[in-house]
Amino acid sequence: MTTRVLVVGGAGYIGSVCAAHLVDNGIDVEVFDDLSTGHAAAVSGRLHVGDIRDRSRLIEVLDGGAFDAVMHFAARSLVGESVAHPLRYFDVNVGGTATLVQAMLDCGVRSLVFSSSCAVYGVPDTLPIPEDHPHRPVSPYGESKAMVERLLSACRDREGLRVTSLRYFNAAGASGDGRFGESHSTETHLIPLALQAAMGQRAPLKLFGTDYDTPDGTCLRDYIHVLDLAEVHRLALEALVAGDPGGAFNVGTGVGTSVREVLASIERVTGMAVPHAEAERRPGDPPALYAAAATVRARFGWHPQYTHIDDIVRTAAAWARSPRY
């Protein structure tokens, strides 16, 4: 029998790519999204418009779909906004998740893959960052993800929920066929910002901090291609549906790439230099974040296919030149 999955937040960047990847692998998918930041044009399968905080709407959809599992991507995700308006983040990210899980249990759906974040760790004590690193988030966004992980862990222990939390590092890139990519009304991610600056679509890029204790003075981050993310979601889903109780896993390449290295990659791939200007550090930006990712590889037999920054930038650049939505 074909697995059926409700992808909550499946109109957004990562959710839409994961939903399409599931469909490409023979899984029946429907999407639940309020379209506040996502795009109807990015949706795979049937779209149910609704708010994750609306329990009756969630029950209506879950009851009608005979779903085996849920993938949960719905969240507010702008760190700066979370600092200015923390209640919005706890309301949607934490309260919305609690509502979703209660609706799932009410409808007998007990498998969940949750979109978490390396933001739960804060400034790391050690690199690469292992899964058992203490949670010390430095923003309400990161705190909301950490709170949700605690909520889900309790539901695994006490409510019979099978749940896997995947802690992403820096998701990037686009699908190679041009169907899916990043399209945010407020863009905060380095690669699309730098590509837009290179194409003259925005002002020169700001390099926030060039005096960090890193090889070239700029921050190091672990860039993971969105298609590699989609594959690990599929593997985690299949394990849960087969009875695995779940867990929490880092999802990254294990390699730190600096801001300057990203700009150099864009110039290599596109032939366009990225105009930029040095700026002061941003509060709370760690010098380096990259994953210890051996656990997720061992657990699911997963290996990222896009291991060089140029491979990630190449797909992002193709999308930036001709976005579908």
C-alpha atoms as a PDB file:
ATOM      1  CA  MET A   1       0.000   0.000   0.000  1.00  0.00           C
ATOM      2  CA  THR A   2       1.267   3.473  -0.874  1.00  0.00           C
ATOM      3  CA  THR A   3       2.305   5.689   2.047  1.00  0.00           C
ATOM      4  CA  ARG A   4       0.236   8.853   2.429  1.00  0.00           C
ATOM      5  CA  VAL A   5       1.794  11.966   3.957  1.00  0.00           C
ATOM      6  CA  LEU A   6       0.443  15.383   4.922  1.00  0.00           C
ATOM      7  CA  VAL A   7       3.197  17.974   4.429  1.00  0.00           C
ATOM      8  CA  VAL A   8       2.456  20.899   6.751  1.00  0.00           C
ATOM      9  CA  GLY A   9       4.197  23.983   5.414  1.00  0.00           C
ATOM     10  CA  GLY A  10       4.574  22.299   2.025  1.00  0.00           C
ATOM     11  CA  ALA A  11       4.286  25.545   0.049  1.00  0.00           C
ATOM     12  CA  GLY A  12       7.525  26.942   1.478  1.00  0.00           C
ATOM     13  CA  TYR A  13      11.087  26.512   0.246  1.00  0.00           C
ATOM     14  CA  ILE A  14      12.205  23.316   1.973  1.00  0.00           C
ATOM     15  CA  GLY A  15       8.712  21.893   2.413  1.00  0.00           C
ATOM     16  CA  SER A  16       7.873  22.181  -1.289  1.00  0.00           C
ATOM     17  CA  VAL A  17      11.098  20.477  -2.374  1.00  0.00           C
ATOM     18  CA  CYS A  18      10.577  17.670   0.145  1.00  0.00           C
ATOM     19  CA  ALA A  19       6.950  17.191  -0.932  1.00  0.00           C
ATOM     20  CA  ALA A  20       7.960  16.953  -4.593  1.00  0.00           C
ATOM     21  CA  HIS A  21      10.728  14.492  -3.732  1.00  0.00           C
ATOM     22  CA  LEU A  22       8.228  12.274  -1.930  1.00  0.00           C
ATOM     23  CA  VAL A  23       5.916  12.322  -4.959  1.00  0.00           C
ATOM     24  CA  ASP A  24       8.844  11.483  -7.244  1.00  0.00           C
ATOM     25  CA  ASN A  25       9.450   8.439  -5.043  1.00  0.00           C
ATOM     26  CA  GLY A  26       5.901   7.118  -5.258  1.00  0.00           C
ATOM     27  CA  ILE A  27       4.501   8.577  -2.017  1.00  0.00           C
ATOM     28  CA  ASP A  28       1.040  10.164  -1.961  1.00  0.00           C
ATOM     29  CA  VAL A  29       1.278  13.756  -0.729  1.00  0.00           C
ATOM     30  CA  GLU A  30      -1.164  16.451   0.300  1.00  0.00           C
ATOM     31  CA  VAL A  31      -0.126  19.878   1.596  1.00  0.00           C
ATOM     32  CA  PHE A  32      -1.428  22.022   4.449  1.00  0.00           C
ATOM     33  CA  ASP A  33      -0.251  25.662   4.374  1.00  0.00           C
ATOM     34  CA  ASP A  34      -1.605  29.120   5.141  1.00  0.00           C
ATOM     35  CA  LEU A  35       0.313  30.610   2.164  1.00  0.00           C
ATOM     36  CA  SER A  36       1.550  33.482   4.340  1.00  0.00           C
ATOM     37  CA  THR A  37       5.097  32.985   3.059  1.00  0.00           C
ATOM     38  CA  GLY A  38       4.781  30.001   0.713  1.00  0.00           C
ATOM     39  CA  HIS A  39       3.617  29.770  -2.893  1.00  0.00           C
ATOM     40  CA  ALA A  40       0.649  27.846  -4.265  1.00  0.00           C
ATOM     41  CA  ALA A  41       2.647  27.310  -7.465  1.00  0.00           C
ATOM     42  CA  ALA A  42       5.221  25.318  -5.466  1.00  0.00           C
ATOM     43  CA  VAL A  43       2.714  22.829  -4.054  1.00  0.00           C
ATOM     44  CA  SER A  44       2.780  19.142  -4.980  1.00  0.00           C
ATOM     45  CA  GLY A  45      -0.519  17.301  -4.632  1.00  0.00           C
ATOM     46  CA  ARG A  46      -3.727  18.658  -3.174  1.00  0.00           C
ATOM     47  CA  LEU A  47      -3.471  21.926  -1.213  1.00  0.00           C
ATOM     48  CA  HIS A  48      -5.463  22.512   1.987  1.00  0.00           C
ATOM     49  CA  VAL A  49      -5.277  26.157   3.042  1.00  0.00           C
ATOM     50  CA  GLY A  50      -5.299  26.597   6.805  1.00  0.00           C
ATOM     51  CA  ASP A  51      -3.493  27.849   9.900  1.00  0.00           C
ATOM     52  CA  ILE A  52      -1.457  25.376  11.942  1.00  0.00           C
ATOM     53  CA  ARG A  53      -3.042  26.852  15.087  1.00  0.00           C
ATOM     54  CA  ASP A  54      -6.534  25.866  13.863  1.00  0.00           C
ATOM     55  CA  ARG A  55      -7.104  22.454  15.428  1.00  0.00           C
ATOM     56  CA  SER A  56     -10.551  21.901  13.920  1.00  0.00           C
ATOM     57  CA  ARG A  57      -9.209  22.575  10.407  1.00  0.00           C
ATOM     58  CA  LEU A  58      -6.294  20.212  10.982  1.00  0.00           C
ATOM     59  CA  ILE A  59      -8.630  17.473  12.239  1.00  0.00           C
ATOM     60  CA  GLU A  60     -10.883  17.988   9.223  1.00  0.00           C
ATOM     61  CA  VAL A  61      -7.939  17.446   6.850  1.00  0.00           C
ATOM     62  CA  LEU A  62      -6.327  14.597   8.807  1.00  0.00           C
ATOM     63  CA  ASP A  63      -9.636  12.752   9.242  1.00  0.00           C
ATOM     64  CA  GLY A  64     -10.370  13.000   5.554  1.00  0.00           C
ATOM     65  CA  GLY A  65      -6.993  11.869   4.288  1.00  0.00           C
ATOM     66  CA  ALA A  66      -6.166   8.508   5.905  1.00  0.00           C
ATOM     67  CA  PHE A  67      -2.580   9.702   6.358  1.00  0.00           C
ATOM     68  CA  ASP A  68       0.226   7.478   7.604  1.00  0.00           C
ATOM     69  CA  ALA A  69       2.479  10.356   8.669  1.00  0.00           C
ATOM     70  CA  VAL A  70       3.007  14.102   8.800  1.00  0.00           C
ATOM     71  CA  MET A  71       6.013  16.196   7.811  1.00  0.00           C
ATOM     72  CA  HIS A  72       6.088  19.499   9.662  1.00  0.00           C
ATOM     73  CA  PHE A  73       7.828  22.537   8.142  1.00  0.00           C
ATOM     74  CA  ALA A  74       5.404  25.298   9.153  1.00  0.00           C
ATOM     75  CA  ALA A  75       7.156  27.990  11.187  1.00  0.00           C
ATOM     76  CA  ARG A  76       8.164  31.586  11.424  1.00  0.00           C
ATOM     77  CA  SER A  77      11.881  31.597  10.663  1.00  0.00           C
ATOM     78  CA  LEU A  78      13.378  35.105  10.643  1.00  0.00           C
ATOM     79  CA  VAL A  79      15.868  35.432  13.484  1.00  0.00           C
ATOM     80  CA  GLY A  80      15.773  39.230  13.580  1.00  0.00           C
ATOM     81  CA  GLU A  81      11.985  39.318  13.633  1.00  0.00           C
ATOM     82  CA  SER A  82      11.984  36.761  16.445  1.00  0.00           C
ATOM     83  CA  VAL A  83      14.126  39.087  18.561  1.00  0.00           C
ATOM     84  CA  ALA A  84      11.724  41.979  17.976  1.00  0.00           C
ATOM     85  CA  HIS A  85       8.528  39.910  18.298  1.00  0.00           C
ATOM     86  CA  PRO A  86       9.218  36.745  20.320  1.00  0.00           C
ATOM     87  CA  LEU A  87       5.568  36.062  21.107  1.00  0.00           C
ATOM     88  CA  ARG A  88       4.785  35.556  17.415  1.00  0.00           C
ATOM     89  CA  TYR A  89       7.411  32.816  17.313  1.00  0.00           C
ATOM     90  CA  PHE A  90       6.260  31.001  20.423  1.00  0.00           C
ATOM     91  CA  ASP A  91       2.635  31.298  19.273  1.00  0.00           C
ATOM     92  CA  VAL A  92       3.166  29.792  15.809  1.00  0.00           C
ATOM     93  CA  ASN A  93       6.215  27.582  16.235  1.00  0.00           C
ATOM     94  CA  VAL A  94       5.481  26.141  19.674  1.00  0.00           C
ATOM     95  CA  GLY A  95       1.735  26.597  20.053  1.00  0.00           C
ATOM     96  CA  GLY A  96       1.111  25.599  16.454  1.00  0.00           C
ATOM     97  CA  THR A  97       3.131  22.422  16.848  1.00  0.00           C
ATOM     98  CA  ALA A  98       1.285  21.468  20.018  1.00  0.00           C
ATOM     99  CA  THR A  99      -2.002  21.959  18.158  1.00  0.00           C
ATOM    100  CA  LEU A 100      -0.781  19.886  15.216  1.00  0.00           C
ATOM    101  CA  VAL A 101       0.389  16.990  17.399  1.00  0.00           C
ATOM    102  CA  GLN A 102      -2.874  16.945  19.360  1.00  0.00           C
ATOM    103  CA  ALA A 103      -4.816  16.852  16.084  1.00  0.00           C
ATOM    104  CA  MET A 104      -2.607  14.022  14.826  1.00  0.00           C
ATOM    105  CA  LEU A 105      -3.178  11.958  17.968  1.00  0.00           C
ATOM    106  CA  ASP A 106      -6.915  12.669  17.846  1.00  0.00           C
ATOM    107  CA  CYS A 107      -6.939  11.252  14.311  1.00  0.00           C
ATOM    108  CA  GLY A 108      -4.643   8.286  14.989  1.00  0.00           C
ATOM    109  CA  VAL A 109      -1.645   9.577  13.018  1.00  0.00           C
ATOM    110  CA  ARG A 110       1.459   8.787  15.057  1.00  0.00           C
ATOM    111  CA  SER A 111       4.492   9.382  12.783  1.00  0.00           C
ATOM    112  CA  LEU A 112       6.025  12.848  12.442  1.00  0.00           C
ATOM    113  CA  VAL A 113       9.161  14.269  10.820  1.00  0.00           C
ATOM    114  CA  PHE A 114       9.925  17.712  12.271  1.00  0.00           C
ATOM    115  CA  SER A 115      11.941  20.486  10.646  1.00  0.00           C
ATOM    116  CA  SER A 116      14.315  21.645  13.390  1.00  0.00           C
ATOM    117  CA  SER A 117      17.456  23.768  13.224  1.00  0.00           C
ATOM    118  CA  CYS A 118      21.059  24.042  14.333  1.00  0.00           C
ATOM    119  CA  ALA A 119      19.849  27.281  15.965  1.00  0.00           C
ATOM    120  CA  VAL A 120      18.978  25.132  18.989  1.00  0.00           C
ATOM    121  CA  TYR A 121      22.699  24.949  19.854  1.00  0.00           C
ATOM    122  CA  GLY A 122      23.608  28.646  19.982  1.00  0.00           C
ATOM    123  CA  VAL A 123      27.335  29.413  20.102  1.00  0.00           C
ATOM    124  CA  PRO A 124      29.057  26.005  20.030  1.00  0.00           C
ATOM    125  CA  ASP A 125      31.570  24.749  22.576  1.00  0.00           C
ATOM    126  CA  THR A 126      33.067  22.291  20.090  1.00  0.00           C
ATOM    127  CA  LEU A 127      33.273  21.837  16.326  1.00  0.00           C
ATOM    128  CA  PRO A 128      31.910  19.978  14.531  1.00  0.00           C
ATOM    129  CA  ILE A 129      28.733  20.168  16.613  1.00  0.00           C
ATOM    130  CA  PRO A 130      27.447  16.797  17.903  1.00  0.00           C
ATOM    131  CA  GLU A 131      23.796  16.010  18.584  1.00  0.00           C
ATOM    132  CA  ASP A 132      24.411  15.882  22.346  1.00  0.00           C
ATOM    133  CA  HIS A 133      25.754  19.443  22.455  1.00  0.00           C
ATOM    134  CA  PRO A 134      23.866  21.550  25.045  1.00  0.00           C
ATOM    135  CA  HIS A 135      20.976  23.644  23.763  1.00  0.00           C
ATOM    136  CA  ARG A 136      21.738  27.327  24.350  1.00  0.00           C
ATOM    137  CA  PRO A 137      19.851  29.201  21.605  1.00  0.00           C
ATOM    138  CA  VAL A 138      20.617  32.910  21.234  1.00  0.00           C
ATOM    139  CA  SER A 139      17.314  33.972  19.623  1.00  0.00           C
ATOM    140  CA  PRO A 140      13.619  33.364  20.264  1.00  0.00           C
ATOM    141  CA  TYR A 141      13.553  31.529  16.920  1.00  0.00           C
ATOM    142  CA  GLY A 142      16.186  29.056  18.135  1.00  0.00           C
ATOM    143  CA  GLU A 143      14.484  28.793  21.509  1.00  0.00           C
ATOM    144  CA  SER A 144      11.160  28.003  19.842  1.00  0.00           C
ATOM    145  CA  LYS A 145      12.768  25.110  17.936  1.00  0.00           C
ATOM    146  CA  ALA A 146      14.397  23.813  21.141  1.00  0.00           C
ATOM    147  CA  MET A 147      11.064  24.037  22.976  1.00  0.00           C
ATOM    148  CA  VAL A 148       9.331  22.093  20.210  1.00  0.00           C
ATOM    149  CA  GLU A 149      11.983  19.380  20.369  1.00  0.00           C
ATOM    150  CA  ARG A 150      11.349  19.024  24.114  1.00  0.00           C
ATOM    151  CA  LEU A 151       7.604  18.888  23.495  1.00  0.00           C
ATOM    152  CA  LEU A 152       8.018  16.189  20.856  1.00  0.00           C
ATOM    153  CA  SER A 153      10.389  14.160  23.000  1.00  0.00           C
ATOM    154  CA  ALA A 154       7.801  14.131  25.778  1.00  0.00           C
ATOM    155  CA  CYS A 155       5.140  13.023  23.296  1.00  0.00           C
ATOM    156  CA  ARG A 156       7.405  10.201  22.146  1.00  0.00           C
ATOM    157  CA  ASP A 157       7.885   9.054  25.733  1.00  0.00           C
ATOM    158  CA  ARG A 158       4.322   9.496  26.969  1.00  0.00           C
ATOM    159  CA  GLU A 159       1.904   9.799  24.044  1.00  0.00           C
ATOM    160  CA  GLY A 160       3.070   7.062  21.671  1.00  0.00           C
ATOM    161  CA  LEU A 161       4.282   9.481  18.992  1.00  0.00           C
ATOM    162  CA  ARG A 162       7.033   8.298  16.667  1.00  0.00           C
ATOM    163  CA  VAL A 163       8.983  11.452  15.818  1.00  0.00           C
ATOM    164  CA  THR A 164      12.274  12.406  14.197  1.00  0.00           C
ATOM    165  CA  SER A 165      13.655  15.947  14.471  1.00  0.00           C
ATOM    166  CA  LEU A 166      16.106  16.922  11.744  1.00  0.00           C
ATOM    167  CA  ARG A 167      18.379  19.800  12.742  1.00  0.00           C
ATOM    168  CA  TYR A 168      19.303  21.543   9.502  1.00  0.00           C
ATOM    169  CA  PHE A 169      22.360  23.617   9.075  1.00  0.00           C
ATOM    170  CA  ASN A 170      22.250  26.072   6.112  1.00  0.00           C
ATOM    171  CA  ALA A 171      19.786  24.851   3.491  1.00  0.00           C
ATOM    172  CA  ALA A 172      20.649  26.104   0.009  1.00  0.00           C
ATOM    173  CA  GLY A 173      20.317  25.387  -3.695  1.00  0.00           C
ATOM    174  CA  ALA A 174      17.423  24.567  -5.996  1.00  0.00           C
ATOM    175  CA  SER A 175      16.111  21.605  -7.942  1.00  0.00           C
ATOM    176  CA  GLY A 176      18.090  20.918 -11.093  1.00  0.00           C
ATOM    177  CA  ASP A 177      14.981  20.861 -13.300  1.00  0.00           C
ATOM    178  CA  GLY A 178      13.988  24.423 -12.403  1.00  0.00           C
ATOM    179  CA  ARG A 179      10.784  23.446 -10.600  1.00  0.00           C
ATOM    180  CA  PHE A 180      11.687  24.602  -7.094  1.00  0.00           C
ATOM    181  CA  GLY A 181      13.935  27.156  -5.428  1.00  0.00           C
ATOM    182  CA  GLU A 182      14.124  29.961  -2.881  1.00  0.00           C
ATOM    183  CA  SER A 183      11.608  32.768  -3.263  1.00  0.00           C
ATOM    184  CA  HIS A 184      11.202  34.759  -0.059  1.00  0.00           C
ATOM    185  CA  SER A 185       9.539  38.150   0.265  1.00  0.00           C
ATOM    186  CA  THR A 186      12.159  38.933   2.925  1.00  0.00           C
ATOM    187  CA  GLU A 187      15.393  37.246   1.898  1.00  0.00           C
ATOM    188  CA  THR A 188      17.964  36.576   4.622  1.00  0.00           C
ATOM    189  CA  HIS A 189      20.043  33.710   3.187  1.00  0.00           C
ATOM    190  CA  LEU A 190      23.543  34.416   1.967  1.00  0.00           C
ATOM    191  CA  ILE A 191      23.584  32.612  -1.388  1.00  0.00           C
ATOM    192  CA  PRO A 192      20.428  34.177  -2.903  1.00  0.00           C
ATOM    193  CA  LEU A 193      21.371  37.585  -1.472  1.00  0.00           C
ATOM    194  CA  ALA A 194      24.834  37.364  -3.024  1.00  0.00           C
ATOM    195  CA  LEU A 195      23.440  36.206  -6.377  1.00  0.00           C
ATOM    196  CA  GLN A 196      20.982  39.099  -6.434  1.00  0.00           C
ATOM    197  CA  ALA A 197      23.814  41.533  -5.678  1.00  0.00           C
ATOM    198  CA  ALA A 198      25.913  40.007  -8.480  1.00  0.00           C
ATOM    199  CA  MET A 199      23.008  40.424 -10.913  1.00  0.00           C
ATOM    200  CA  GLY A 200      22.490  44.051  -9.880  1.00  0.00           C
ATOM    201  CA  GLN A 201      19.090  43.360  -8.319  1.00  0.00           C
ATOM    202  CA  ARG A 202      20.038  44.752  -4.901  1.00  0.00           C
ATOM    203  CA  ALA A 203      22.683  46.860  -3.223  1.00  0.00           C
ATOM    204  CA  PRO A 204      26.173  45.436  -2.589  1.00  0.00           C
ATOM    205  CA  LEU A 205      26.197  42.590  -0.108  1.00  0.00           C
ATOM    206  CA  LYS A 206      27.195  43.362   3.477  1.00  0.00           C
ATOM    207  CA  LEU A 207      29.844  41.126   5.025  1.00  0.00           C
ATOM    208  CA  PHE A 208      28.869  41.134   8.685  1.00  0.00           C
ATOM    209  CA  GLY A 209      32.211  40.649  10.388  1.00  0.00           C
ATOM    210  CA  THR A 210      35.569  40.097   8.699  1.00  0.00           C
ATOM    211  CA  ASP A 211      37.705  39.710  11.831  1.00  0.00           C
ATOM    212  CA  TYR A 212      36.501  36.352  13.157  1.00  0.00           C
ATOM    213  CA  ASP A 213      39.010  33.699  14.204  1.00  0.00           C
ATOM    214  CA  THR A 214      38.528  31.782  10.942  1.00  0.00           C
ATOM    215  CA  PRO A 215      40.903  31.246   7.999  1.00  0.00           C
ATOM    216  CA  ASP A 216      39.735  34.350   6.101  1.00  0.00           C
ATOM    217  CA  GLY A 217      38.056  36.285   8.920  1.00  0.00           C
ATOM    218  CA  THR A 218      34.459  35.628   7.817  1.00  0.00           C
ATOM    219  CA  CYS A 219      31.924  33.231   9.328  1.00  0.00           C
ATOM    220  CA  LEU A 220      31.965  29.531   8.484  1.00  0.00           C
ATOM    221  CA  ARG A 221      28.669  27.769   7.806  1.00  0.00           C
ATOM    222  CA  ASP A 222      27.645  24.260   6.733  1.00  0.00           C
ATOM    223  CA  TYR A 223      25.709  24.505   3.441  1.00  0.00           C
ATOM    224  CA  ILE A 224      23.457  21.524   2.736  1.00  0.00           C
ATOM    225  CA  HIS A 225      21.670  21.190  -0.593  1.00  0.00           C
ATOM    226  CA  VAL A 226      17.883  21.187  -0.343  1.00  0.00           C
ATOM    227  CA  LEU A 227      17.671  18.004  -2.441  1.00  0.00           C
ATOM    228  CA  ASP A 228      19.953  16.224   0.025  1.00  0.00           C
ATOM    229  CA  LEU A 229      17.642  17.456   2.782  1.00  0.00           C
ATOM    230  CA  ALA A 230      14.671  16.054   0.897  1.00  0.00           C
ATOM    231  CA  GLU A 231      16.257  12.619   0.663  1.00  0.00           C
ATOM    232  CA  VAL A 232      17.039  12.384   4.377  1.00  0.00           C
ATOM    233  CA  HIS A 233      13.436  13.404   5.109  1.00  0.00           C
ATOM    234  CA  ARG A 234      12.215  10.546   2.930  1.00  0.00           C
ATOM    235  CA  LEU A 235      14.481   8.040   4.665  1.00  0.00           C
ATOM    236  CA  ALA A 236      13.452   9.255   8.128  1.00  0.00           C
ATOM    237  CA  LEU A 237       9.799   9.039   7.125  1.00  0.00           C
ATOM    238  CA  GLU A 238      10.112   5.479   5.868  1.00  0.00           C
ATOM    239  CA  ALA A 239      11.835   4.424   9.092  1.00  0.00           C
ATOM    240  CA  LEU A 240       9.069   5.922  11.249  1.00  0.00           C
ATOM    241  CA  VAL A 241       6.279   4.330   9.243  1.00  0.00           C
ATOM    242  CA  ALA A 242       8.089   0.991   9.620  1.00  0.00           C
ATOM    243  CA  GLY A 243       8.025   1.408  13.414  1.00  0.00           C
ATOM    244  CA  ASP A 244      11.241   3.258  14.268  1.00  0.00           C
ATOM    245  CA  PRO A 245      10.652   5.422  17.380  1.00  0.00           C
ATOM    246  CA  GLY A 246      12.685   8.298  15.893  1.00  0.00           C
ATOM    247  CA  GLY A 247      15.301  10.615  17.347  1.00  0.00           C
ATOM    248  CA  ALA A 248      17.106  13.909  16.731  1.00  0.00           C
ATOM    249  CA  PHE A 249      19.788  14.234  14.060  1.00  0.00           C
ATOM    250  CA  ASN A 250      22.051  16.880  12.584  1.00  0.00           C
ATOM    251  CA  VAL A 251      21.750  17.254   8.825  1.00  0.00           C
ATOM    252  CA  GLY A 252      24.792  18.862   7.231  1.00  0.00           C
ATOM    253  CA  THR A 253      27.862  18.053   5.189  1.00  0.00           C
ATOM    254  CA  GLY A 254      30.257  18.426   8.111  1.00  0.00           C
ATOM    255  CA  VAL A 255      32.231  21.052   6.148  1.00  0.00           C
ATOM    256  CA  GLY A 256      32.429  24.745   7.041  1.00  0.00           C
ATOM    257  CA  THR A 257      32.450  27.202   4.112  1.00  0.00           C
ATOM    258  CA  SER A 258      33.250  30.864   4.728  1.00  0.00           C
ATOM    259  CA  VAL A 259      31.329  33.852   3.405  1.00  0.00           C
ATOM    260  CA  ARG A 260      34.270  34.807   1.210  1.00  0.00           C
ATOM    261  CA  GLU A 261      34.433  31.253  -0.142  1.00  0.00           C
ATOM    262  CA  VAL A 262      30.767  31.476  -1.113  1.00  0.00           C
ATOM    263  CA  LEU A 263      31.420  34.731  -2.988  1.00  0.00           C
ATOM    264  CA  ALA A 264      34.389  33.150  -4.767  1.00  0.00           C
ATOM    265  CA  SER A 265      32.205  30.197  -5.738  1.00  0.00           C
ATOM    266  CA  ILE A 266      29.565  32.483  -7.226  1.00  0.00           C
ATOM    267  CA  GLU A 267      32.222  34.203  -9.325  1.00  0.00           C
ATOM    268  CA  ARG A 268      33.589  30.837 -10.529  1.00  0.00           C
ATOM    269  CA  VAL A 269      30.161  29.476 -11.403  1.00  0.00           C
ATOM    270  CA  THR A 270      28.547  32.562 -12.948  1.00  0.00           C
ATOM    271  CA  GLY A 271      31.490  34.686 -14.045  1.00  0.00           C
ATOM    272  CA  MET A 272      30.015  37.571 -12.031  1.00  0.00           C
ATOM    273  CA  ALA A 273      31.793  39.145  -9.091  1.00  0.00           C
ATOM    274  CA  VAL A 274      29.656  39.861  -6.030  1.00  0.00           C
ATOM    275  CA  PRO A 275      29.863  43.550  -5.044  1.00  0.00           C
ATOM    276  CA  HIS A 276      30.213  43.735  -1.298  1.00  0.00           C
ATOM    277  CA  ALA A 277      31.186  45.939   1.612  1.00  0.00           C
ATOM    278  CA  GLU A 278      32.546  45.076   5.023  1.00  0.00           C
ATOM    279  CA  ALA A 279      30.236  45.714   7.977  1.00  0.00           C
ATOM    280  CA  GLU A 280      30.246  45.236  11.736  1.00  0.00           C
ATOM    281  CA  ARG A 281      29.516  41.849  13.233  1.00  0.00           C
ATOM    282  CA  ARG A 282      25.893  41.045  14.000  1.00  0.00           C
ATOM    283  CA  PRO A 283      25.130  40.239  17.653  1.00  0.00           C
ATOM    284  CA  GLY A 284      24.803  36.506  18.252  1.00  0.00           C
ATOM    285  CA  ASP A 285      26.545  35.356  15.052  1.00  0.00           C
ATOM    286  CA  PRO A 286      28.892  32.473  15.974  1.00  0.00           C
ATOM    287  CA  PRO A 287      32.214  32.420  14.103  1.00  0.00           C
ATOM    288  CA  ALA A 288      31.632  28.849  12.886  1.00  0.00           C
ATOM    289  CA  LEU A 289      28.778  26.352  12.704  1.00  0.00           C
ATOM    290  CA  TYR A 290      29.165  22.981  11.054  1.00  0.00           C
ATOM    291  CA  ALA A 291      27.726  19.595  11.808  1.00  0.00           C
ATOM    292  CA  ALA A 292      28.980  16.340  13.158  1.00  0.00           C
ATOM    293  CA  ALA A 293      26.821  14.373  10.741  1.00  0.00           C
ATOM    294  CA  ALA A 294      27.999  10.768  11.158  1.00  0.00           C
ATOM    295  CA  THR A 295      24.926   9.741  13.176  1.00  0.00           C
ATOM    296  CA  VAL A 296      22.344  10.518  10.495  1.00  0.00           C
ATOM    297  CA  ARG A 297      24.483   8.776   7.884  1.00  0.00           C
ATOM    298  CA  ALA A 298      24.797   5.639   9.977  1.00  0.00           C
ATOM    299  CA  ARG A 299      21.126   5.593  11.012  1.00  0.00           C
ATOM    300  CA  PHE A 300      19.598   6.039   7.550  1.00  0.00           C
ATOM    301  CA  GLY A 301      22.403   5.147   5.133  1.00  0.00           C
ATOM    302  CA  TRP A 302      22.228   8.708   3.841  1.00  0.00           C
ATOM    303  CA  HIS A 303      25.080  10.478   2.072  1.00  0.00           C
ATOM    304  CA  PRO A 304      24.835  13.999   0.617  1.00  0.00           C
ATOM    305  CA  GLN A 305      25.257  14.152  -3.146  1.00  0.00           C
ATOM    306  CA  TYR A 306      26.125  17.865  -3.329  1.00  0.00           C
ATOM    307  CA  THR A 307      29.355  18.020  -1.360  1.00  0.00           C
ATOM    308  CA  HIS A 308      31.098  20.987  -3.017  1.00  0.00           C
ATOM    309  CA  ILE A 309      29.893  24.562  -2.643  1.00  0.00           C
ATOM    310  CA  ASP A 310      30.086  25.075  -6.433  1.00  0.00           C
ATOM    311  CA  ASP A 311      27.515  22.308  -6.969  1.00  0.00           C
ATOM    312  CA  ILE A 312      25.107  24.028  -4.588  1.00  0.00           C
ATOM    313  CA  VAL A 313      25.713  27.494  -6.038  1.00  0.00           C
ATOM    314  CA  ARG A 314      25.246  26.229  -9.614  1.00  0.00           C
ATOM    315  CA  THR A 315      21.647  25.165  -8.953  1.00  0.00           C
ATOM    316  CA  ALA A 316      20.887  28.310  -6.933  1.00  0.00           C
ATOM    317  CA  ALA A 317      22.253  30.499  -9.729  1.00  0.00           C
ATOM    318  CA  ALA A 318      20.137  28.774 -12.381  1.00  0.00           C
ATOM    319  CA  TRP A 319      17.038  29.392 -10.278  1.00  0.00           C
ATOM    320  CA  ALA A 320      18.000  33.023  -9.562  1.00  0.00           C
ATOM    321  CA  ARG A 321      18.274  33.724 -13.290  1.00  0.00           C
ATOM    322  CA  SER A 322      14.834  32.285 -14.019  1.00  0.00           C
ATOM    323  CA  PRO A 323      12.626  31.703 -10.953  1.00  0.00           C
ATOM    324  CA  ARG A 324       9.309  29.947 -11.640  1.00  0.00           C
ATOM    325  CA  TYR A 325       7.497  31.816  -8.857  1.00  0.00           C
END
